[in-house]
Amino acid sequence: MAIAAGAGPEVRKPLATVVIGGILSSTFLTLILLPALYQRFEKSNAS
């Protein structure tokens, strides 16, 4: 949808961009940021 051409993509392209951004940001949060936060706070609670 984000790279579509032809009739009608000017309506779908912004929506597709938001969906792709949401998927990428949620993947980053789930796979990188949350484990790093868990690891940091686990170390600070163990001390």
N, C-alpha and C. Protein backbone atom coordinates (compact mmCIF):
# COMPACT_ATOMS: atom_id res chain seq x y z
N MET A 1 0.82 -1.19 0.00
CA MET A 1 0.00 0.00 0.00
C MET A 1 0.86 1.26 0.00
N ALA A 2 1.98 1.23 0.70
CA ALA A 2 2.81 2.42 0.82
C ALA A 2 3.51 2.78 -0.47
N ILE A 3 3.73 1.81 -1.35
CA ILE A 3 4.43 2.10 -2.61
C ILE A 3 3.51 1.91 -3.81
N ALA A 4 2.20 1.92 -3.59
CA ALA A 4 1.24 1.70 -4.67
C ALA A 4 1.22 2.88 -5.62
N ALA A 5 0.89 2.59 -6.86
CA ALA A 5 0.73 3.62 -7.87
C ALA A 5 -0.61 3.40 -8.55
N GLY A 6 -1.07 4.42 -9.25
CA GLY A 6 -2.34 4.30 -9.94
C GLY A 6 -3.41 5.12 -9.26
N ALA A 7 -4.66 4.77 -9.52
CA ALA A 7 -5.78 5.53 -8.99
C ALA A 7 -6.02 5.21 -7.52
N GLY A 8 -6.09 6.25 -6.70
CA GLY A 8 -6.47 6.08 -5.30
C GLY A 8 -5.39 5.94 -4.26
N PRO A 9 -4.12 5.85 -4.58
CA PRO A 9 -3.14 5.63 -3.52
C PRO A 9 -2.90 6.86 -2.64
N GLU A 10 -3.33 8.05 -3.08
CA GLU A 10 -3.11 9.23 -2.26
C GLU A 10 -3.93 9.18 -0.97
N VAL A 11 -4.96 8.36 -0.94
CA VAL A 11 -5.75 8.19 0.28
C VAL A 11 -5.15 7.09 1.16
N ARG A 12 -4.67 6.03 0.54
CA ARG A 12 -4.17 4.88 1.29
C ARG A 12 -2.72 5.04 1.74
N LYS A 13 -1.94 5.84 1.06
CA LYS A 13 -0.51 5.96 1.36
C LYS A 13 -0.24 6.49 2.77
N PRO A 14 -0.92 7.54 3.25
CA PRO A 14 -0.68 7.99 4.63
C PRO A 14 -1.03 6.93 5.67
N LEU A 15 -2.12 6.21 5.46
CA LEU A 15 -2.51 5.15 6.38
C LEU A 15 -1.47 4.04 6.39
N ALA A 16 -0.99 3.66 5.22
CA ALA A 16 0.03 2.61 5.15
C ALA A 16 1.32 3.05 5.83
N THR A 17 1.68 4.32 5.70
CA THR A 17 2.88 4.83 6.35
C THR A 17 2.74 4.75 7.87
N VAL A 18 1.58 5.09 8.39
CA VAL A 18 1.35 5.01 9.84
C VAL A 18 1.39 3.57 10.32
N VAL A 19 0.80 2.66 9.56
CA VAL A 19 0.79 1.24 9.94
C VAL A 19 2.21 0.69 9.96
N ILE A 20 3.00 1.01 8.94
CA ILE A 20 4.38 0.52 8.87
C ILE A 20 5.19 1.10 10.03
N GLY A 21 5.01 2.39 10.32
CA GLY A 21 5.70 3.00 11.45
C GLY A 21 5.33 2.36 12.78
N GLY A 22 4.06 2.04 12.94
CA GLY A 22 3.61 1.38 14.17
C GLY A 22 4.20 0.00 14.33
N ILE A 23 4.26 -0.75 13.25
CA ILE A 23 4.84 -2.09 13.30
C ILE A 23 6.33 -2.02 13.64
N LEU A 24 7.04 -1.09 13.01
CA LEU A 24 8.48 -0.97 13.28
C LEU A 24 8.75 -0.50 14.70
N SER A 25 7.98 0.48 15.17
CA SER A 25 8.22 0.99 16.52
C SER A 25 7.85 -0.05 17.58
N SER A 26 6.77 -0.79 17.38
CA SER A 26 6.40 -1.81 18.36
C SER A 26 7.41 -2.95 18.38
N THR A 27 7.96 -3.29 17.22
CA THR A 27 9.01 -4.31 17.16
C THR A 27 10.25 -3.86 17.91
N PHE A 28 10.66 -2.61 17.70
CA PHE A 28 11.82 -2.07 18.42
C PHE A 28 11.58 -2.08 19.92
N LEU A 29 10.41 -1.62 20.35
CA LEU A 29 10.12 -1.59 21.78
C LEU A 29 10.12 -2.98 22.39
N THR A 30 9.53 -3.94 21.70
CA THR A 30 9.41 -5.29 22.25
C THR A 30 10.74 -6.03 22.27
N LEU A 31 11.53 -5.91 21.23
CA LEU A 31 12.74 -6.72 21.11
C LEU A 31 13.99 -6.07 21.68
N ILE A 32 14.03 -4.75 21.79
CA ILE A 32 15.25 -4.07 22.21
C ILE A 32 15.06 -3.28 23.51
N LEU A 33 14.09 -2.40 23.54
CA LEU A 33 13.96 -1.49 24.69
C LEU A 33 13.47 -2.20 25.95
N LEU A 34 12.42 -2.99 25.86
CA LEU A 34 11.90 -3.65 27.05
C LEU A 34 12.89 -4.63 27.69
N PRO A 35 13.58 -5.48 26.92
CA PRO A 35 14.58 -6.34 27.57
C PRO A 35 15.70 -5.54 28.23
N ALA A 36 16.11 -4.44 27.63
CA ALA A 36 17.15 -3.60 28.23
C ALA A 36 16.66 -2.99 29.55
N LEU A 37 15.41 -2.55 29.57
CA LEU A 37 14.86 -1.99 30.81
C LEU A 37 14.73 -3.06 31.89
N TYR A 38 14.26 -4.24 31.53
CA TYR A 38 14.17 -5.33 32.50
C TYR A 38 15.55 -5.66 33.08
N GLN A 39 16.53 -5.73 32.22
CA GLN A 39 17.88 -6.06 32.67
C GLN A 39 18.43 -4.99 33.61
N ARG A 40 18.18 -3.74 33.28
CA ARG A 40 18.68 -2.65 34.12
C ARG A 40 18.03 -2.65 35.50
N PHE A 41 16.71 -2.79 35.54
CA PHE A 41 16.02 -2.75 36.82
C PHE A 41 16.22 -4.03 37.63
N GLU A 42 16.47 -5.14 36.96
CA GLU A 42 16.77 -6.39 37.68
C GLU A 42 18.10 -6.24 38.44
N LYS A 43 19.09 -5.62 37.79
CA LYS A 43 20.37 -5.41 38.45
C LYS A 43 20.25 -4.45 39.62
N SER A 44 19.44 -3.40 39.48
CA SER A 44 19.33 -2.42 40.56
C SER A 44 18.53 -2.98 41.74
N ASN A 45 17.62 -3.91 41.53
CA ASN A 45 16.87 -4.54 42.61
C ASN A 45 17.69 -5.62 43.32
N ALA A 46 18.64 -6.21 42.65
CA ALA A 46 19.45 -7.28 43.23
C ALA A 46 20.47 -6.74 44.22
N SER A 47 20.85 -5.49 44.08
CA SER A 47 21.86 -4.91 44.96
C SER A 47 21.35 -4.60 46.34
